[in-house]
Amino acid sequence: MEVNDPAVNRLLEILRQFRRSEPHKPTFEGCNPSMIRVLFIIRRGGAEQGEGLTISEISNLMEVTPPTVTQLIKNLEAEGLVERINDRKDRRVVRVLLTEQGKNLVQRAQANFVQRLKGLTNYLGEEQTEQLTTLLEKALKYLNQNKNESEV
């Protein structure tokens, strides 16, 4: 899409490049970004609730359909990273928990992500990192304030 505003065109192009860039969508130890995201969500939900999450809860947190989550869970289960268990109070409800292998992978993925961010902050330096953070916060605030205007 071409717009008659050079600044808007430049922003569109860099956002396209970000979306397509491989560093933005890394695989980690054979897991794609969606699988990693599910593992992080399960870890966070499991820590908060202590008993795992249902497929429905995971799909709501990811803002995707339950069949999408079901397929991801099947793949993660095949890799030995998650397990399904029946709820203690209602045997009809199935919950998903991380296995020890899954917990270890999430820890390694988090450490890898933090290391990549540290590399970026080292590359940018303190001043540019602060500028980038401030600009992203400001952009997010603008987009959140004006999201209803874009729903035309």
Protein backbone atom coordinates (compact mmCIF):
# COMPACT_ATOMS: atom_id res chain seq x y z
CA MET A 1 0.00 0.00 0.00
CA GLU A 2 1.46 3.32 -1.08
CA VAL A 3 0.53 6.42 0.83
CA ASN A 4 1.37 9.99 -0.18
CA ASP A 5 3.23 10.53 3.09
CA PRO A 6 6.93 9.54 3.09
CA ALA A 7 7.01 9.14 6.88
CA VAL A 8 4.02 6.79 6.83
CA ASN A 9 5.55 4.80 3.93
CA ARG A 10 8.84 4.46 5.80
CA LEU A 11 7.03 3.28 8.94
CA LEU A 12 4.93 0.78 6.93
CA GLU A 13 8.05 -0.62 5.27
CA ILE A 14 9.98 -1.10 8.52
CA LEU A 15 6.94 -2.75 10.14
CA ARG A 16 6.68 -5.12 7.14
CA GLN A 17 10.36 -5.96 7.51
CA PHE A 18 9.93 -6.59 11.24
CA ARG A 19 7.00 -8.90 10.62
CA ARG A 20 8.94 -10.92 8.03
CA SER A 21 12.27 -11.00 9.85
CA GLU A 22 13.52 -14.35 11.06
CA PRO A 23 14.94 -12.95 14.33
CA HIS A 24 11.41 -11.83 15.14
CA LYS A 25 10.09 -15.40 14.71
CA PRO A 26 12.79 -17.64 16.11
CA THR A 27 12.39 -21.34 16.62
CA PHE A 28 13.89 -22.67 19.80
CA GLU A 29 15.02 -26.25 20.19
CA GLY A 30 12.55 -27.40 17.56
CA CYS A 31 9.60 -25.36 18.84
CA ASN A 32 8.04 -22.63 16.72
CA PRO A 33 7.02 -19.29 18.26
CA SER A 34 3.40 -20.42 18.80
CA MET A 35 4.54 -23.49 20.69
CA ILE A 36 6.87 -21.41 22.86
CA ARG A 37 4.08 -18.93 23.55
CA VAL A 38 1.76 -21.74 24.68
CA LEU A 39 4.44 -23.07 27.01
CA PHE A 40 4.91 -19.62 28.58
CA ILE A 41 1.15 -19.21 28.99
CA ILE A 42 0.83 -22.63 30.62
CA ARG A 43 3.73 -21.85 32.96
CA ARG A 44 2.20 -18.52 33.99
CA GLY A 45 -1.29 -20.00 34.37
CA GLY A 46 0.00 -23.06 36.16
CA ALA A 47 1.95 -20.92 38.60
CA GLU A 48 -1.08 -18.76 39.30
CA GLN A 49 -3.60 -21.59 39.60
CA GLY A 50 -1.32 -24.46 40.52
CA GLU A 51 -3.37 -26.95 38.54
CA GLY A 52 -2.80 -26.08 34.89
CA LEU A 53 -5.04 -24.49 32.30
CA THR A 54 -7.85 -25.76 30.10
CA ILE A 55 -7.68 -25.53 26.30
CA SER A 56 -10.38 -22.85 26.48
CA GLU A 57 -8.38 -20.77 28.95
CA ILE A 58 -5.26 -21.04 26.80
CA SER A 59 -7.17 -20.10 23.64
CA ASN A 60 -8.66 -17.05 25.38
CA LEU A 61 -5.22 -15.90 26.55
CA MET A 62 -3.75 -16.41 23.08
CA GLU A 63 -6.80 -14.96 21.32
CA VAL A 64 -7.01 -17.93 18.94
CA THR A 65 -9.57 -20.69 18.46
CA PRO A 66 -9.61 -23.80 20.67
CA PRO A 67 -8.84 -26.11 17.68
CA THR A 68 -5.65 -24.13 17.07
CA VAL A 69 -4.61 -24.61 20.68
CA THR A 70 -5.59 -28.30 20.62
CA GLN A 71 -3.21 -28.91 17.70
CA LEU A 72 -0.39 -27.04 19.45
CA ILE A 73 -0.99 -29.05 22.64
CA LYS A 74 -0.92 -32.32 20.66
CA ASN A 75 2.45 -31.35 19.20
CA LEU A 76 3.83 -30.29 22.58
CA GLU A 77 2.52 -33.47 24.19
CA ALA A 78 4.22 -35.56 21.49
CA GLU A 79 7.49 -33.81 22.35
CA GLY A 80 7.01 -34.60 26.03
CA LEU A 81 6.72 -30.93 27.01
CA VAL A 82 3.15 -30.93 28.35
CA GLU A 83 0.72 -33.42 29.79
CA ARG A 84 -3.04 -33.48 30.02
CA ILE A 85 -4.66 -34.40 33.31
CA ASN A 86 -8.24 -34.59 34.51
CA ASP A 87 -9.36 -31.84 36.85
CA ARG A 88 -9.53 -32.95 40.49
CA LYS A 89 -12.98 -31.44 41.04
CA ASP A 90 -14.60 -32.22 37.69
CA ARG A 91 -13.25 -35.28 35.85
CA ARG A 92 -14.82 -34.03 32.59
CA VAL A 93 -12.43 -31.05 32.54
CA VAL A 94 -8.96 -31.62 31.11
CA ARG A 95 -6.10 -29.40 32.20
CA VAL A 96 -2.70 -28.95 30.61
CA LEU A 97 0.48 -28.82 32.68
CA LEU A 98 4.15 -28.51 31.83
CA THR A 99 6.27 -31.59 32.30
CA GLU A 100 9.72 -31.22 33.87
CA GLN A 101 11.12 -31.25 30.34
CA GLY A 102 8.68 -28.46 29.42
CA LYS A 103 9.62 -26.40 32.48
CA ASN A 104 13.30 -26.75 31.60
CA LEU A 105 12.69 -25.73 27.99
CA VAL A 106 10.73 -22.63 29.10
CA GLN A 107 13.60 -21.63 31.40
CA ARG A 108 16.11 -22.01 28.56
CA ALA A 109 13.85 -20.13 26.13
CA GLN A 110 13.42 -17.28 28.60
CA ALA A 111 17.17 -17.08 29.20
CA ASN A 112 17.73 -17.06 25.42
CA PHE A 113 15.18 -14.26 24.95
CA VAL A 114 16.71 -12.16 27.74
CA GLN A 115 20.15 -12.69 26.21
CA ARG A 116 18.86 -11.50 22.81
CA LEU A 117 17.37 -8.38 24.45
CA LYS A 118 20.65 -7.72 26.25
CA GLY A 119 22.42 -7.99 22.90
CA LEU A 120 20.00 -5.46 21.41
CA THR A 121 20.45 -3.04 24.31
CA ASN A 122 24.23 -3.38 24.06
CA TYR A 123 24.03 -2.75 20.32
CA LEU A 124 21.82 0.32 20.72
CA GLY A 125 23.48 1.68 23.83
CA GLU A 126 21.77 3.10 26.88
CA GLU A 127 20.51 6.33 25.29
CA GLN A 128 19.01 4.75 22.16
CA THR A 129 17.51 1.91 24.20
CA GLU A 130 15.77 4.48 26.38
CA GLN A 131 14.58 6.37 23.28
CA LEU A 132 13.26 3.17 21.68
CA THR A 133 11.45 2.15 24.85
CA THR A 134 9.91 5.60 25.25
CA LEU A 135 8.79 5.70 21.61
CA LEU A 136 7.26 2.22 21.79
CA GLU A 137 5.40 3.13 24.98
CA LYS A 138 4.13 6.31 23.34
CA ALA A 139 3.08 4.45 20.17
CA LEU A 140 1.26 1.81 22.21
CA LYS A 141 -0.54 4.48 24.21
CA TYR A 142 -1.63 6.21 20.99
CA LEU A 143 -2.80 2.96 19.37
CA ASN A 144 -4.72 1.90 22.48
CA GLN A 145 -6.38 5.30 22.81
CA ASN A 146 -7.37 5.36 19.17
CA LYS A 147 -8.30 1.71 18.55
CA ASN A 148 -12.04 2.50 18.35
CA GLU A 149 -11.41 5.03 15.56
CA SER A 150 -9.79 2.33 13.40
CA GLU A 151 -12.76 -0.04 13.78
CA VAL A 152 -14.77 1.55 11.01
